[in-house]
């Protein structure tokens, strides 16, 4: 039973390492500086995450205010 459990753990750790190296790349050195350099070189942030874009929302108040009374008048006629 312990032999079977050991193989499962080794398989899980191996798959995790393959995927992590696929995402971050294989670092030059396994020190903290090497791992950080590998991550920053491999992953590029888009404009939205770097703060390069902004969104402006405008609301047209005149269109909304004229449609409400017409809806009320139609509902009062039907009842």
PDB file of N, CA and C in Angstrom:
ATOM      1  N   UNK A   1       0.825  -1.194   0.000  1.00  0.00           N
ATOM      2  CA  UNK A   1       0.000   0.000   0.000  1.00  0.00           C
ATOM      3  C   UNK A   1       0.871   1.260   0.000  1.00  0.00           C
ATOM      4  N   UNK A   2       1.932   1.277   0.793  1.00  0.00           N
ATOM      5  CA  UNK A   2       2.808   2.451   0.852  1.00  0.00           C
ATOM      6  C   UNK A   2       3.539   2.667  -0.466  1.00  0.00           C
ATOM      7  N   UNK A   3       3.858   1.587  -1.172  1.00  0.00           N
ATOM      8  CA  UNK A   3       4.519   1.701  -2.460  1.00  0.00           C
ATOM      9  C   UNK A   3       3.616   2.400  -3.473  1.00  0.00           C
ATOM     10  N   UNK A   4       2.347   2.053  -3.458  1.00  0.00           N
ATOM     11  CA  UNK A   4       1.369   2.647  -4.361  1.00  0.00           C
ATOM     12  C   UNK A   4       1.189   4.133  -4.051  1.00  0.00           C
ATOM     13  N   UNK A   5       1.162   4.476  -2.772  1.00  0.00           N
ATOM     14  CA  UNK A   5       1.007   5.869  -2.359  1.00  0.00           C
ATOM     15  C   UNK A   5       2.225   6.705  -2.761  1.00  0.00           C
ATOM     16  N   UNK A   6       3.408   6.134  -2.645  1.00  0.00           N
ATOM     17  CA  UNK A   6       4.627   6.838  -3.031  1.00  0.00           C
ATOM     18  C   UNK A   6       4.615   7.164  -4.522  1.00  0.00           C
ATOM     19  N   UNK A   7       4.208   6.233  -5.360  1.00  0.00           N
ATOM     20  CA  UNK A   7       4.144   6.483  -6.797  1.00  0.00           C
ATOM     21  C   UNK A   7       3.130   7.563  -7.145  1.00  0.00           C
ATOM     22  N   UNK A   8       2.018   7.600  -6.415  1.00  0.00           N
ATOM     23  CA  UNK A   8       1.013   8.637  -6.662  1.00  0.00           C
ATOM     24  C   UNK A   8       1.562  10.015  -6.314  1.00  0.00           C
ATOM     25  N   UNK A   9       2.254  10.109  -5.182  1.00  0.00           N
ATOM     26  CA  UNK A   9       2.847  11.397  -4.782  1.00  0.00           C
ATOM     27  C   UNK A   9       3.917  11.843  -5.784  1.00  0.00           C
ATOM     28  N   UNK A  10       4.750  10.925  -6.218  1.00  0.00           N
ATOM     29  CA  UNK A  10       5.777  11.275  -7.201  1.00  0.00           C
ATOM     30  C   UNK A  10       5.157  11.726  -8.520  1.00  0.00           C
ATOM     31  N   UNK A  11       4.089  11.085  -8.930  1.00  0.00           N
ATOM     32  CA  UNK A  11       3.410  11.476 -10.159  1.00  0.00           C
ATOM     33  C   UNK A  11       2.804  12.877 -10.032  1.00  0.00           C
ATOM     34  N   UNK A  12       2.165  13.162  -8.901  1.00  0.00           N
ATOM     35  CA  UNK A  12       1.558  14.482  -8.688  1.00  0.00           C
ATOM     36  C   UNK A  12       2.623  15.572  -8.669  1.00  0.00           C
ATOM     37  N   UNK A  13       3.711  15.346  -7.947  1.00  0.00           N
ATOM     38  CA  UNK A  13       4.786  16.349  -7.879  1.00  0.00           C
ATOM     39  C   UNK A  13       5.424  16.541  -9.249  1.00  0.00           C
ATOM     40  N   UNK A  14       5.627  15.447  -9.984  1.00  0.00           N
ATOM     41  CA  UNK A  14       6.220  15.548 -11.321  1.00  0.00           C
ATOM     42  C   UNK A  14       5.350  16.351 -12.281  1.00  0.00           C
ATOM     43  N   UNK A  15       4.042  16.101 -12.266  1.00  0.00           N
ATOM     44  CA  UNK A  15       3.123  16.832 -13.151  1.00  0.00           C
ATOM     45  C   UNK A  15       3.093  18.312 -12.771  1.00  0.00           C
ATOM     46  N   UNK A  16       3.074  18.610 -11.475  1.00  0.00           N
ATOM     47  CA  UNK A  16       3.095  20.009 -11.047  1.00  0.00           C
ATOM     48  C   UNK A  16       4.369  20.720 -11.488  1.00  0.00           C
ATOM     49  N   UNK A  17       5.512  20.056 -11.372  1.00  0.00           N
ATOM     50  CA  UNK A  17       6.771  20.672 -11.807  1.00  0.00           C
ATOM     51  C   UNK A  17       6.789  20.930 -13.314  1.00  0.00           C
ATOM     52  N   UNK A  18       6.273  19.993 -14.091  1.00  0.00           N
ATOM     53  CA  UNK A  18       6.233  20.179 -15.543  1.00  0.00           C
ATOM     54  C   UNK A  18       5.381  21.385 -15.909  1.00  0.00           C
ATOM     55  N   UNK A  19       4.212  21.514 -15.277  1.00  0.00           N
ATOM     56  CA  UNK A  19       3.344  22.638 -15.592  1.00  0.00           C
ATOM     57  C   UNK A  19       3.913  23.958 -15.096  1.00  0.00           C
ATOM     58  N   UNK A  20       4.530  23.979 -13.923  1.00  0.00           N
ATOM     59  CA  UNK A  20       5.137  25.220 -13.420  1.00  0.00           C
ATOM     60  C   UNK A  20       6.289  25.668 -14.308  1.00  0.00           C
ATOM     61  N   UNK A  21       7.123  24.728 -14.734  1.00  0.00           N
ATOM     62  CA  UNK A  21       8.210  25.090 -15.644  1.00  0.00           C
ATOM     63  C   UNK A  21       7.675  25.515 -16.999  1.00  0.00           C
ATOM     64  N   UNK A  22       6.527  24.982 -17.407  1.00  0.00           N
ATOM     65  CA  UNK A  22       5.918  25.403 -18.665  1.00  0.00           C
ATOM     66  C   UNK A  22       5.376  26.824 -18.590  1.00  0.00           C
ATOM     67  N   UNK A  23       4.859  27.207 -17.433  1.00  0.00           N
ATOM     68  CA  UNK A  23       4.306  28.553 -17.275  1.00  0.00           C
ATOM     69  C   UNK A  23       5.411  29.573 -17.063  1.00  0.00           C
ATOM     70  N   UNK A  24       6.311  29.298 -16.124  1.00  0.00           N
ATOM     71  CA  UNK A  24       7.325  30.284 -15.737  1.00  0.00           C
ATOM     72  C   UNK A  24       8.648  30.113 -16.471  1.00  0.00           C
ATOM     73  N   UNK A  25       8.863  29.003 -17.116  1.00  0.00           N
ATOM     74  CA  UNK A  25      10.133  28.751 -17.782  1.00  0.00           C
ATOM     75  C   UNK A  25      11.144  28.183 -16.796  1.00  0.00           C
ATOM     76  N   UNK A  26      12.187  27.590 -17.321  1.00  0.00           N
ATOM     77  CA  UNK A  26      13.218  27.017 -16.463  1.00  0.00           C
ATOM     78  C   UNK A  26      14.184  28.137 -16.077  1.00  0.00           C
ATOM     79  N   UNK A  27      14.348  28.411 -14.789  1.00  0.00           N
ATOM     80  CA  UNK A  27      15.185  29.530 -14.362  1.00  0.00           C
ATOM     81  C   UNK A  27      16.671  29.234 -14.562  1.00  0.00           C
ATOM     82  N   UNK A  28      17.466  30.310 -14.669  1.00  0.00           N
ATOM     83  CA  UNK A  28      18.920  30.171 -14.789  1.00  0.00           C
ATOM     84  C   UNK A  28      19.500  29.565 -13.511  1.00  0.00           C
ATOM     85  N   UNK A  29      19.077  30.111 -12.379  1.00  0.00           N
ATOM     86  CA  UNK A  29      19.485  29.579 -11.081  1.00  0.00           C
ATOM     87  C   UNK A  29      18.229  29.352 -10.251  1.00  0.00           C
ATOM     88  N   UNK A  30      18.334  28.479  -9.280  1.00  0.00           N
ATOM     89  CA  UNK A  30      17.172  28.178  -8.447  1.00  0.00           C
ATOM     90  C   UNK A  30      17.164  29.005  -7.172  1.00  0.00           C
ATOM     91  N   UNK A  31      17.843  30.148  -7.191  1.00  0.00           N
ATOM     92  CA  UNK A  31      17.791  31.061  -6.047  1.00  0.00           C
ATOM     93  C   UNK A  31      16.555  31.941  -6.196  1.00  0.00           C
ATOM     94  N   UNK A  32      16.283  32.763  -5.210  1.00  0.00           N
ATOM     95  CA  UNK A  32      15.125  33.650  -5.262  1.00  0.00           C
ATOM     96  C   UNK A  32      15.220  34.637  -6.410  1.00  0.00           C
ATOM     97  N   UNK A  33      16.405  35.159  -6.655  1.00  0.00           N
ATOM     98  CA  UNK A  33      16.609  36.128  -7.745  1.00  0.00           C
ATOM     99  C   UNK A  33      16.390  35.473  -9.106  1.00  0.00           C
ATOM    100  N   UNK A  34      16.880  34.265  -9.282  1.00  0.00           N
ATOM    101  CA  UNK A  34      16.723  33.563 -10.558  1.00  0.00           C
ATOM    102  C   UNK A  34      15.282  33.223 -10.856  1.00  0.00           C
ATOM    103  N   UNK A  35      14.549  32.787  -9.832  1.00  0.00           N
ATOM    104  CA  UNK A  35      13.134  32.471 -10.026  1.00  0.00           C
ATOM    105  C   UNK A  35      12.331  33.724 -10.353  1.00  0.00           C
ATOM    106  N   UNK A  36      12.630  34.832  -9.658  1.00  0.00           N
ATOM    107  CA  UNK A  36      11.918  36.085  -9.918  1.00  0.00           C
ATOM    108  C   UNK A  36      12.220  36.606 -11.320  1.00  0.00           C
ATOM    109  N   UNK A  37      13.466  36.526 -11.740  1.00  0.00           N
ATOM    110  CA  UNK A  37      13.829  36.973 -13.083  1.00  0.00           C
ATOM    111  C   UNK A  37      13.139  36.122 -14.150  1.00  0.00           C
ATOM    112  N   UNK A  38      13.017  34.838 -13.912  1.00  0.00           N
ATOM    113  CA  UNK A  38      12.359  33.950 -14.862  1.00  0.00           C
ATOM    114  C   UNK A  38      10.874  34.283 -14.990  1.00  0.00           C
ATOM    115  N   UNK A  39      10.235  34.575 -13.852  1.00  0.00           N
ATOM    116  CA  UNK A  39       8.810  34.910 -13.886  1.00  0.00           C
ATOM    117  C   UNK A  39       8.553  36.235 -14.574  1.00  0.00           C
ATOM    118  N   UNK A  40       9.356  37.253 -14.287  1.00  0.00           N
ATOM    119  CA  UNK A  40       9.119  38.571 -14.879  1.00  0.00           C
ATOM    120  C   UNK A  40       9.466  38.588 -16.361  1.00  0.00           C
ATOM    121  N   UNK A  41      10.396  37.771 -16.780  1.00  0.00           N
ATOM    122  CA  UNK A  41      10.757  37.724 -18.196  1.00  0.00           C
ATOM    123  C   UNK A  41       9.705  36.970 -18.998  1.00  0.00           C
ATOM    124  N   UNK A  42       9.096  35.974 -18.422  1.00  0.00           N
ATOM    125  CA  UNK A  42       8.181  35.103 -19.158  1.00  0.00           C
ATOM    126  C   UNK A  42       6.749  35.642 -19.201  1.00  0.00           C
ATOM    127  N   UNK A  43       6.275  36.252 -18.120  1.00  0.00           N
ATOM    128  CA  UNK A  43       4.892  36.705 -18.045  1.00  0.00           C
ATOM    129  C   UNK A  43       4.840  38.197 -18.337  1.00  0.00           C
ATOM    130  N   UNK A  44       4.118  38.571 -19.384  1.00  0.00           N
ATOM    131  CA  UNK A  44       3.966  39.968 -19.774  1.00  0.00           C
ATOM    132  C   UNK A  44       2.583  40.448 -19.369  1.00  0.00           C
ATOM    133  N   UNK A  45       2.518  41.560 -18.649  1.00  0.00           N
ATOM    134  CA  UNK A  45       1.230  42.118 -18.240  1.00  0.00           C
ATOM    135  C   UNK A  45       0.633  42.935 -19.380  1.00  0.00           C
ATOM    136  N   UNK A  46      -0.680  42.836 -19.528  1.00  0.00           N
ATOM    137  CA  UNK A  46      -1.374  43.624 -20.538  1.00  0.00           C
ATOM    138  C   UNK A  46      -1.580  45.056 -20.064  1.00  0.00           C
ATOM    139  N   UNK A  47      -2.134  45.890 -20.934  1.00  0.00           N
ATOM    140  CA  UNK A  47      -2.347  47.294 -20.580  1.00  0.00           C
ATOM    141  C   UNK A  47      -3.284  47.458 -19.395  1.00  0.00           C
ATOM    142  N   UNK A  48      -4.298  46.607 -19.313  1.00  0.00           N
ATOM    143  CA  UNK A  48      -5.246  46.747 -18.210  1.00  0.00           C
ATOM    144  C   UNK A  48      -4.587  46.461 -16.862  1.00  0.00           C
ATOM    145  N   UNK A  49      -3.646  45.524 -16.790  1.00  0.00           N
ATOM    146  CA  UNK A  49      -2.981  45.216 -15.529  1.00  0.00           C
ATOM    147  C   UNK A  49      -1.848  46.178 -15.215  1.00  0.00           C
ATOM    148  N   UNK A  50      -1.285  46.829 -16.231  1.00  0.00           N
ATOM    149  CA  UNK A  50      -0.238  47.815 -15.999  1.00  0.00           C
ATOM    150  C   UNK A  50      -0.813  49.190 -15.702  1.00  0.00           C
ATOM    151  N   UNK A  51      -2.104  49.368 -15.847  1.00  0.00           N
ATOM    152  CA  UNK A  51      -2.721  50.657 -15.570  1.00  0.00           C
ATOM    153  C   UNK A  51      -2.689  51.598 -16.751  1.00  0.00           C
ATOM    154  N   UNK A  52      -2.626  51.066 -17.966  1.00  0.00           N
ATOM    155  CA  UNK A  52      -2.507  51.913 -19.137  1.00  0.00           C
ATOM    156  C   UNK A  52      -3.824  52.274 -19.800  1.00  0.00           C
ATOM    157  N   UNK A  53      -4.924  51.800 -19.296  1.00  0.00           N
ATOM    158  CA  UNK A  53      -6.208  52.103 -19.912  1.00  0.00           C
ATOM    159  C   UNK A  53      -7.175  52.633 -18.865  1.00  0.00           C
ATOM    160  N   UNK A  54      -8.192  53.313 -19.324  1.00  0.00           N
ATOM    161  CA  UNK A  54      -9.275  53.745 -18.440  1.00  0.00           C
ATOM    162  C   UNK A  54     -10.572  53.750 -19.228  1.00  0.00           C
ATOM    163  N   UNK A  55     -11.672  53.695 -18.533  1.00  0.00           N
ATOM    164  CA  UNK A  55     -12.978  53.574 -19.142  1.00  0.00           C
ATOM    165  C   UNK A  55     -13.833  54.756 -18.721  1.00  0.00           C
ATOM    166  N   UNK A  56     -14.491  55.369 -19.678  1.00  0.00           N
ATOM    167  CA  UNK A  56     -15.395  56.491 -19.397  1.00  0.00           C
ATOM    168  C   UNK A  56     -16.797  56.041 -19.756  1.00  0.00           C
ATOM    169  N   UNK A  57     -17.707  56.197 -18.812  1.00  0.00           N
ATOM    170  CA  UNK A  57     -19.089  55.789 -19.014  1.00  0.00           C
ATOM    171  C   UNK A  57     -19.958  57.036 -19.041  1.00  0.00           C
ATOM    172  N   UNK A  58     -20.790  57.154 -20.061  1.00  0.00           N
ATOM    173  CA  UNK A  58     -21.701  58.280 -20.168  1.00  0.00           C
ATOM    174  C   UNK A  58     -23.134  57.762 -20.193  1.00  0.00           C
ATOM    175  N   UNK A  59     -23.998  58.468 -19.520  1.00  0.00           N
ATOM    176  CA  UNK A  59     -25.409  58.099 -19.476  1.00  0.00           C
ATOM    177  C   UNK A  59     -26.209  59.206 -20.131  1.00  0.00           C
ATOM    178  N   UNK A  60     -27.119  58.831 -21.034  1.00  0.00           N
ATOM    179  CA  UNK A  60     -27.986  59.809 -21.668  1.00  0.00           C
ATOM    180  C   UNK A  60     -29.251  59.923 -20.835  1.00  0.00           C
ATOM    181  N   UNK A  61     -29.362  61.009 -20.102  1.00  0.00           N
ATOM    182  CA  UNK A  61     -30.465  61.177 -19.165  1.00  0.00           C
ATOM    183  C   UNK A  61     -31.752  61.544 -19.888  1.00  0.00           C
ATOM    184  N   UNK A  62     -31.695  62.311 -20.951  1.00  0.00           N
ATOM    185  CA  UNK A  62     -32.906  62.758 -21.632  1.00  0.00           C
ATOM    186  C   UNK A  62     -33.683  61.588 -22.231  1.00  0.00           C
ATOM    187  N   UNK A  63     -33.032  60.621 -22.779  1.00  0.00           N
ATOM    188  CA  UNK A  63     -33.712  59.474 -23.363  1.00  0.00           C
ATOM    189  C   UNK A  63     -34.407  58.657 -22.290  1.00  0.00           C
ATOM    190  N   UNK A  64     -33.786  58.467 -21.186  1.00  0.00           N
ATOM    191  CA  UNK A  64     -34.352  57.668 -20.102  1.00  0.00           C
ATOM    192  C   UNK A  64     -35.543  58.371 -19.447  1.00  0.00           C
ATOM    193  N   UNK A  65     -35.473  59.687 -19.257  1.00  0.00           N
ATOM    194  CA  UNK A  65     -36.547  60.393 -18.558  1.00  0.00           C
ATOM    195  C   UNK A  65     -37.811  60.508 -19.419  1.00  0.00           C
ATOM    196  N   UNK A  66     -37.676  60.534 -20.724  1.00  0.00           N
ATOM    197  CA  UNK A  66     -38.867  60.635 -21.576  1.00  0.00           C
ATOM    198  C   UNK A  66     -39.546  59.287 -21.751  1.00  0.00           C
ATOM    199  N   UNK A  67     -38.845  58.192 -21.580  1.00  0.00           N
ATOM    200  CA  UNK A  67     -39.463  56.887 -21.789  1.00  0.00           C
ATOM    201  C   UNK A  67     -40.263  56.430 -20.570  1.00  0.00           C
ATOM    202  N   UNK A  68     -39.981  56.924 -19.385  1.00  0.00           N
ATOM    203  CA  UNK A  68     -40.689  56.483 -18.181  1.00  0.00           C
ATOM    204  C   UNK A  68     -42.150  56.925 -18.186  1.00  0.00           C
ATOM    205  N   UNK A  69     -42.484  58.182 -18.476  1.00  0.00           N
ATOM    206  CA  UNK A  69     -43.907  58.551 -18.467  1.00  0.00           C
ATOM    207  C   UNK A  69     -44.719  57.807 -19.515  1.00  0.00           C
ATOM    208  N   UNK A  70     -44.158  57.501 -20.656  1.00  0.00           N
ATOM    209  CA  UNK A  70     -44.917  56.775 -21.667  1.00  0.00           C
ATOM    210  C   UNK A  70     -45.218  55.359 -21.210  1.00  0.00           C
ATOM    211  N   UNK A  71     -44.335  54.753 -20.479  1.00  0.00           N
ATOM    212  CA  UNK A  71     -44.586  53.415 -19.972  1.00  0.00           C
ATOM    213  C   UNK A  71     -45.675  53.445 -18.897  1.00  0.00           C
ATOM    214  N   UNK A  72     -45.678  54.474 -18.072  1.00  0.00           N
ATOM    215  CA  UNK A  72     -46.702  54.575 -17.033  1.00  0.00           C
ATOM    216  C   UNK A  72     -48.079  54.834 -17.649  1.00  0.00           C
ATOM    217  N   UNK A  73     -48.111  55.649 -18.666  1.00  0.00           N
ATOM    218  CA  UNK A  73     -49.401  55.944 -19.281  1.00  0.00           C
ATOM    219  C   UNK A  73     -49.948  54.723 -19.998  1.00  0.00           C
ATOM    220  N   UNK A  74     -49.112  53.893 -20.595  1.00  0.00           N
ATOM    221  CA  UNK A  74     -49.569  52.675 -21.247  1.00  0.00           C
ATOM    222  C   UNK A  74     -50.069  51.669 -20.229  1.00  0.00           C
ATOM    223  N   UNK A  75     -49.424  51.575 -19.082  1.00  0.00           N
ATOM    224  CA  UNK A  75     -49.862  50.597 -18.079  1.00  0.00           C
ATOM    225  C   UNK A  75     -51.162  51.040 -17.419  1.00  0.00           C
ATOM    226  N   UNK A  76     -51.400  52.328 -17.279  1.00  0.00           N
ATOM    227  CA  UNK A  76     -52.638  52.783 -16.665  1.00  0.00           C
ATOM    228  C   UNK A  76     -53.825  52.611 -17.625  1.00  0.00           C
ATOM    229  N   UNK A  77     -53.584  52.686 -18.929  1.00  0.00           N
ATOM    230  CA  UNK A  77     -54.649  52.494 -19.919  1.00  0.00           C
ATOM    231  C   UNK A  77     -55.082  51.030 -19.981  1.00  0.00           C
ATOM    232  N   UNK A  78     -54.145  50.123 -19.803  1.00  0.00           N
ATOM    233  CA  UNK A  78     -54.475  48.705 -19.934  1.00  0.00           C
ATOM    234  C   UNK A  78     -55.217  48.171 -18.716  1.00  0.00           C
ATOM    235  N   UNK A  79     -55.168  48.825 -17.573  1.00  0.00           N
ATOM    236  CA  UNK A  79     -55.852  48.281 -16.386  1.00  0.00           C
ATOM    237  C   UNK A  79     -57.204  48.859 -16.171  1.00  0.00           C
TER     238      UNK A  79
END
